[in-house]
N, C-alpha and C. Protein backbone atom coordinates (compact mmCIF):
# COMPACT_ATOMS: atom_id res chain seq x y z
N UNK A 1 -5.27 -10.76 14.12
CA UNK A 1 -6.03 -11.49 15.24
C UNK A 1 -7.22 -10.89 15.65
N UNK A 2 -8.13 -11.35 15.74
CA UNK A 2 -9.91 -11.33 16.14
C UNK A 2 -9.44 -11.07 17.68
N UNK A 3 -9.92 -9.50 17.99
CA UNK A 3 -10.09 -9.16 19.85
C UNK A 3 -11.45 -9.41 19.93
N UNK A 4 -11.50 -10.16 21.29
CA UNK A 4 -12.80 -10.62 21.39
C UNK A 4 -13.55 -9.08 22.50
N UNK A 5 -14.55 -9.36 22.09
CA UNK A 5 -15.64 -8.03 22.61
C UNK A 5 -16.05 -7.03 21.77
N UNK A 6 -17.04 -6.56 22.22
CA UNK A 6 -17.51 -5.39 21.29
C UNK A 6 -17.10 -3.77 21.90
N UNK A 7 -16.63 -3.20 20.94
CA UNK A 7 -15.90 -1.59 21.41
C UNK A 7 -16.64 -0.67 20.95
N UNK A 8 -16.68 0.19 21.30
CA UNK A 8 -17.61 1.54 21.07
C UNK A 8 -16.91 2.77 21.34
N UNK A 9 -16.88 3.85 20.62
CA UNK A 9 -16.35 4.98 20.74
C UNK A 9 -17.56 6.01 21.96
N UNK A 10 -16.58 6.79 22.50
CA UNK A 10 -17.49 7.76 23.23
C UNK A 10 -16.44 9.03 22.93
N UNK A 11 -17.27 10.04 23.22
CA UNK A 11 -16.48 11.67 23.29
C UNK A 11 -16.88 11.92 24.63
N UNK A 12 -15.85 12.73 25.39
CA UNK A 12 -16.39 13.16 26.75
C UNK A 12 -15.70 14.69 26.40
N UNK A 13 -16.68 15.45 27.39
CA UNK A 13 -16.02 17.03 27.57
C UNK A 13 -14.58 16.91 27.60
N UNK A 14 -13.78 17.89 27.12
CA UNK A 14 -12.03 18.15 27.66
C UNK A 14 -11.77 17.71 29.40
N UNK A 15 -12.61 18.28 30.23
CA UNK A 15 -12.11 18.70 31.08
C UNK A 15 -13.02 17.43 32.42
N UNK A 16 -13.75 16.50 31.57
CA UNK A 16 -14.33 15.49 32.10
C UNK A 16 -13.23 14.39 32.56
N UNK A 17 -13.36 14.18 34.18
CA UNK A 17 -12.55 13.01 34.53
C UNK A 17 -12.58 11.87 33.90
N UNK A 18 -11.46 10.87 33.93
CA UNK A 18 -12.15 9.42 32.98
C UNK A 18 -11.72 8.38 34.29
N UNK A 19 -11.23 8.31 35.58
CA UNK A 19 -11.32 7.68 36.20
C UNK A 19 -12.44 6.72 36.40
N UNK A 20 -12.01 5.65 36.83
CA UNK A 20 -12.94 4.46 36.63
C UNK A 20 -13.18 4.06 35.41
N UNK A 21 -12.95 4.49 34.27
CA UNK A 21 -12.74 3.93 33.18
C UNK A 21 -11.61 3.38 32.54
N UNK A 22 -11.74 2.15 31.50
CA UNK A 22 -10.48 1.41 31.33
C UNK A 22 -10.61 1.72 29.59
N UNK A 23 -9.98 2.87 28.96
CA UNK A 23 -10.41 2.72 27.85
C UNK A 23 -9.19 2.09 27.02
N UNK A 24 -9.37 1.46 25.79
CA UNK A 24 -8.55 0.62 25.26
C UNK A 24 -7.92 1.68 24.36
N UNK A 25 -8.15 2.68 23.85
CA UNK A 25 -7.49 3.67 22.97
C UNK A 25 -8.11 4.97 23.99
N UNK A 26 -7.46 6.07 24.24
CA UNK A 26 -7.84 7.40 24.24
C UNK A 26 -6.91 8.62 23.45
N UNK A 27 -8.07 9.43 22.98
CA UNK A 27 -7.11 10.47 22.36
C UNK A 27 -8.09 11.69 22.48
N UNK A 28 -7.04 12.81 22.91
CA UNK A 28 -7.48 14.00 23.34
C UNK A 28 -6.96 14.74 22.01
N UNK A 29 -8.28 15.90 21.88
CA UNK A 29 -8.77 16.53 20.63
C UNK A 29 -9.04 17.81 21.13
N UNK A 30 -8.98 18.89 20.81
CA UNK A 30 -9.58 20.38 21.12
C UNK A 30 -11.05 20.08 21.38
N UNK A 31 -11.54 18.95 20.57
CA UNK A 31 -12.93 19.23 21.01
C UNK A 31 -13.57 18.46 22.40
N UNK A 32 -12.21 17.79 22.42
CA UNK A 32 -13.30 16.64 23.77
C UNK A 32 -12.27 15.29 23.61
N UNK A 33 -12.24 14.43 24.30
CA UNK A 33 -11.50 13.32 24.63
C UNK A 33 -12.27 12.37 24.16
N UNK A 34 -11.67 11.34 23.06
CA UNK A 34 -12.32 10.49 22.29
C UNK A 34 -11.68 9.18 23.20
N UNK A 35 -12.59 8.29 23.60
CA UNK A 35 -12.43 6.98 24.43
C UNK A 35 -12.96 5.94 23.19
N UNK A 36 -11.95 5.07 23.16
CA UNK A 36 -12.52 3.65 22.70
C UNK A 36 -12.56 2.60 24.15
N UNK A 37 -13.99 2.40 23.99
CA UNK A 37 -14.03 1.53 25.31
C UNK A 37 -14.87 0.20 25.01
N UNK A 38 -14.54 -1.12 25.94
CA UNK A 38 -16.17 -2.18 25.43
C UNK A 38 -17.39 -1.52 25.89
N UNK A 39 -18.32 -2.40 25.04
CA UNK A 39 -19.66 -1.60 24.64
C UNK A 39 -19.93 -2.03 26.55
N UNK A 40 -19.67 -3.01 27.28
CA UNK A 40 -20.03 -3.08 28.64
C UNK A 40 -19.84 -2.01 29.57
N UNK A 41 -18.88 -1.29 29.20
CA UNK A 41 -17.94 -0.42 30.16
C UNK A 41 -18.48 0.67 29.90
N UNK A 42 -19.14 1.10 28.69
CA UNK A 42 -19.87 2.29 28.22
C UNK A 42 -21.28 2.22 28.85
N UNK A 43 -21.85 1.09 28.43
CA UNK A 43 -23.13 0.81 29.28
C UNK A 43 -23.17 1.00 30.44
N UNK A 44 -22.18 0.39 31.27
CA UNK A 44 -22.38 0.50 32.61
C UNK A 44 -22.24 1.58 33.53
N UNK A 45 -21.53 2.82 32.45
CA UNK A 45 -21.60 4.10 33.05
C UNK A 45 -22.39 5.36 32.39
N UNK A 46 -23.22 4.58 31.55
CA UNK A 46 -24.09 5.30 31.06
C UNK A 46 -23.92 6.74 30.23
N UNK A 47 -22.82 5.77 29.37
CA UNK A 47 -22.18 7.12 28.52
C UNK A 47 -22.76 6.89 26.92
N UNK A 48 -23.19 7.75 26.44
CA UNK A 48 -23.52 8.03 25.10
C UNK A 48 -22.41 7.08 24.36
N UNK A 49 -22.97 6.33 23.22
CA UNK A 49 -21.77 5.84 21.88
C UNK A 49 -22.20 5.90 20.80
N UNK A 50 -20.64 5.31 20.10
CA UNK A 50 -21.57 5.21 18.81
C UNK A 50 -20.70 4.17 18.15
N UNK A 51 -20.76 3.83 17.39
CA UNK A 51 -20.10 2.47 16.17
C UNK A 51 -19.17 1.57 16.88
N UNK A 52 -20.84 0.28 16.89
CA UNK A 52 -20.38 -0.74 18.03
C UNK A 52 -19.32 -1.22 16.48
N UNK A 53 -18.43 -1.68 16.93
CA UNK A 53 -16.93 -2.15 16.28
C UNK A 53 -16.25 -3.32 17.16
N UNK A 54 -15.59 -4.49 16.30
CA UNK A 54 -14.57 -5.04 16.34
C UNK A 54 -13.64 -4.71 16.33
N UNK A 55 -12.70 -5.25 16.81
CA UNK A 55 -10.90 -4.66 17.32
C UNK A 55 -10.24 -5.95 16.50
N UNK A 56 -9.42 -5.97 15.40
CA UNK A 56 -8.49 -6.81 14.50
C UNK A 56 -7.21 -6.05 14.69
N UNK A 57 -6.43 -6.61 15.17
CA UNK A 57 -5.05 -6.68 15.62
C UNK A 57 -4.30 -7.35 14.22
N UNK A 58 -3.63 -6.43 13.80
CA UNK A 58 -2.53 -6.57 12.81
C UNK A 58 -1.08 -7.45 13.47
N UNK A 59 -0.84 -8.75 12.97
CA UNK A 59 0.18 -9.32 13.92
C UNK A 59 1.34 -9.51 13.03
N UNK A 60 1.60 -8.43 12.63
CA UNK A 60 2.89 -7.72 11.81
C UNK A 60 3.40 -6.73 12.37
N UNK A 61 4.85 -7.09 13.29
CA UNK A 61 4.84 -5.87 14.09
C UNK A 61 5.91 -4.73 12.96
N UNK A 62 4.93 -3.86 12.98
CA UNK A 62 5.41 -2.66 12.05
C UNK A 62 6.24 -1.81 12.58
N UNK A 63 7.03 -1.18 11.88
CA UNK A 63 7.74 0.29 12.49
C UNK A 63 6.82 1.24 11.96
N UNK A 64 6.90 2.25 13.03
CA UNK A 64 6.02 3.37 12.97
C UNK A 64 6.31 4.49 11.90
N UNK A 65 7.68 4.02 11.13
CA UNK A 65 7.79 5.03 10.02
C UNK A 65 7.68 3.82 8.36
N UNK A 66 7.07 2.78 8.89
CA UNK A 66 6.62 1.95 7.61
C UNK A 66 5.64 2.80 6.37
N UNK A 67 5.90 2.51 5.37
CA UNK A 67 5.17 3.41 4.30
C UNK A 67 4.36 2.30 3.47
N UNK A 68 3.04 2.58 3.73
CA UNK A 68 2.22 1.73 2.71
C UNK A 68 1.25 0.69 3.50
N UNK A 69 1.72 0.13 4.51
CA UNK A 69 0.99 -1.09 4.92
C UNK A 69 -0.17 -0.82 5.40
N UNK A 70 -0.69 0.20 6.20
CA UNK A 70 -1.72 0.80 6.42
C UNK A 70 -2.62 1.06 5.07
N UNK A 71 -2.41 1.27 4.34
CA UNK A 71 -2.60 2.59 3.28
C UNK A 71 -3.43 0.44 2.12
N UNK A 72 -2.62 0.31 1.67
CA UNK A 72 -2.44 -1.41 1.36
C UNK A 72 -3.98 -2.07 2.17
N UNK A 73 -3.51 -2.23 3.53
CA UNK A 73 -5.08 -2.97 4.10
C UNK A 73 -6.43 -2.18 4.03
N UNK A 74 -6.44 -0.79 3.74
CA UNK A 74 -7.53 0.25 4.16
C UNK A 74 -7.92 -0.01 2.44
N UNK A 75 -7.41 -0.02 1.52
CA UNK A 75 -7.61 0.13 0.14
C UNK A 75 -8.71 -1.44 0.01
N UNK A 76 -7.63 -2.99 0.53
CA UNK A 76 -8.40 -4.12 0.47
C UNK A 76 -9.66 -4.01 1.06
N UNK A 77 -9.70 -3.47 2.19
CA UNK A 77 -11.48 -3.43 2.99
C UNK A 77 -12.29 -2.65 2.14
N UNK A 78 -11.65 -1.09 1.86
CA UNK A 78 -12.45 -0.23 0.82
C UNK A 78 -12.61 -1.08 -0.17
N UNK A 79 -12.28 -1.76 -0.72
CA UNK A 79 -12.72 -2.70 -2.22
C UNK A 79 -14.22 -3.26 -1.56
N UNK A 80 -13.85 -3.80 -0.58
CA UNK A 80 -15.19 -4.80 -0.19
C UNK A 80 -16.59 -4.21 0.62
N UNK A 81 -15.94 -2.56 0.69
CA UNK A 81 -17.01 -1.53 1.47
C UNK A 81 -16.77 -1.65 2.79
N UNK A 82 -16.19 -2.29 3.49
CA UNK A 82 -15.91 -2.34 4.95
C UNK A 82 -15.09 -1.25 5.57
N UNK A 83 -15.80 0.04 6.33
CA UNK A 83 -15.32 0.94 6.79
C UNK A 83 -14.04 0.52 8.07
N UNK A 84 -13.23 1.05 8.19
CA UNK A 84 -12.12 0.55 9.30
C UNK A 84 -12.13 2.10 10.40
N UNK A 85 -11.34 2.35 11.13
CA UNK A 85 -11.11 3.00 12.30
C UNK A 85 -9.91 2.44 12.79
N UNK A 86 -8.74 3.03 12.17
CA UNK A 86 -7.34 2.40 12.33
C UNK A 86 -6.34 3.30 13.76
N UNK A 87 -5.97 2.49 14.38
CA UNK A 87 -5.20 2.98 15.72
C UNK A 87 -3.57 2.29 15.37
N UNK A 88 -2.60 3.18 15.24
CA UNK A 88 -1.34 2.94 15.10
C UNK A 88 -0.78 2.59 16.68
N UNK A 89 -0.42 1.39 17.02
CA UNK A 89 0.35 1.02 18.34
C UNK A 89 2.31 1.32 18.20
N UNK A 90 3.09 0.87 19.29
CA UNK A 90 4.17 1.13 18.97
C UNK A 90 4.48 -0.21 18.02
N UNK A 91 4.17 -1.49 18.43
CA UNK A 91 4.44 -2.95 17.83
C UNK A 91 3.19 -3.22 16.74
N UNK A 92 2.24 -2.53 16.85
CA UNK A 92 1.18 -3.32 15.95
C UNK A 92 0.42 -2.26 15.57
N UNK A 93 -0.32 -2.31 14.28
CA UNK A 93 -1.50 -1.34 13.91
C UNK A 93 -3.38 -2.25 14.49
N UNK A 94 -3.93 -1.72 14.22
CA UNK A 94 -5.16 -2.13 15.09
C UNK A 94 -6.39 -1.35 14.04
N UNK A 95 -7.47 -2.18 13.74
CA UNK A 95 -8.75 -1.78 13.02
C UNK A 95 -9.67 -1.95 13.89
N UNK A 96 -10.43 -1.06 13.86
CA UNK A 96 -11.64 -1.25 14.51
C UNK A 96 -12.85 -0.98 13.60
N UNK A 97 -13.23 -2.27 13.13
CA UNK A 97 -14.18 -2.48 11.93
C UNK A 97 -16.06 -2.82 12.61
N UNK A 98 -16.85 -2.27 11.60
CA UNK A 98 -18.19 -2.82 12.41
C UNK A 98 -18.71 -4.02 12.82
N UNK A 99 -19.28 -4.03 13.88
CA UNK A 99 -19.67 -5.32 14.45
C UNK A 99 -20.14 -5.91 13.31
N UNK A 100 -20.53 -7.01 13.46
CA UNK A 100 -20.83 -7.83 12.20
C UNK A 100 -20.01 -8.18 10.60
N UNK A 101 -19.18 -7.44 10.59
CA UNK A 101 -18.50 -7.37 9.46
C UNK A 101 -16.85 -7.94 9.77
N UNK A 102 -16.57 -8.00 11.13
CA UNK A 102 -15.27 -8.82 11.16
C UNK A 102 -14.84 -9.58 10.76
N UNK A 103 -15.66 -11.02 10.34
CA UNK A 103 -14.96 -12.17 9.71
C UNK A 103 -15.01 -11.96 8.46
N UNK A 104 -15.67 -11.29 7.64
CA UNK A 104 -15.64 -10.71 6.53
C UNK A 104 -14.16 -10.19 6.51
N UNK A 105 -14.25 -8.82 7.23
CA UNK A 105 -12.85 -8.30 7.45
C UNK A 105 -11.45 -8.99 7.73
N UNK A 106 -11.22 -10.29 8.16
CA UNK A 106 -10.53 -11.08 8.39
C UNK A 106 -10.20 -12.07 7.40
N UNK A 107 -11.72 -12.27 6.59
CA UNK A 107 -11.04 -12.70 5.66
C UNK A 107 -10.38 -11.97 4.16
N UNK A 108 -10.76 -10.89 4.30
CA UNK A 108 -9.92 -10.08 3.40
C UNK A 108 -8.48 -9.73 3.94
N UNK A 109 -8.34 -9.88 4.74
CA UNK A 109 -6.68 -9.84 5.56
C UNK A 109 -6.08 -10.91 5.34
N UNK A 110 -6.74 -11.71 5.50
CA UNK A 110 -6.29 -13.48 5.11
C UNK A 110 -5.64 -13.34 3.53
N UNK A 111 -6.55 -13.24 2.39
CA UNK A 111 -6.21 -12.82 1.21
C UNK A 111 -5.18 -12.06 0.75
N UNK A 112 -5.16 -10.98 1.51
CA UNK A 112 -3.97 -10.13 1.26
C UNK A 112 -2.82 -10.28 2.11
N UNK A 113 -2.53 -11.05 3.13
CA UNK A 113 -1.57 -11.85 3.17
C UNK A 113 -1.13 -12.75 2.33
N UNK A 114 -2.08 -13.72 1.93
CA UNK A 114 -1.80 -14.68 0.48
C UNK A 114 -1.24 -14.13 -0.15
N UNK A 115 -1.63 -12.95 -0.61
CA UNK A 115 -1.55 -12.50 -1.96
C UNK A 115 0.20 -11.87 -1.99
N UNK A 116 0.48 -11.64 -0.76
CA UNK A 116 1.51 -10.88 -0.46
C UNK A 116 2.58 -11.69 -0.06
N UNK A 117 2.61 -12.86 0.26
CA UNK A 117 3.92 -13.91 0.37
C UNK A 117 3.57 -14.93 -0.99
N UNK A 118 3.10 -14.64 -1.79
CA UNK A 118 2.91 -15.54 -2.95
C UNK A 118 3.20 -15.16 -3.96
């Protein structure tokens, strides 16, 4: 499922407060805090960002212990030279793909789903 809106990746210093921001994803790393935010939110707060992307949520309720699902998806997209930044949620896997490549990525995923069910 293609989620509406454009998302971007932002890196903040580890001690910087993130109030007034509503990230779709937040990852704390030693070097800083990575936020994946809607583009308009990053712009409104004057944040430096990278990787304008679209979000695709896989409609498969995947187990956190599943083996190979994301590898198969990543391989199919890599075969078409479509980069992804995956995020695993409790119920679904989410793929951030470059803005402008989302429809192509969706077609690859449809084809992958058809080949798996046939």
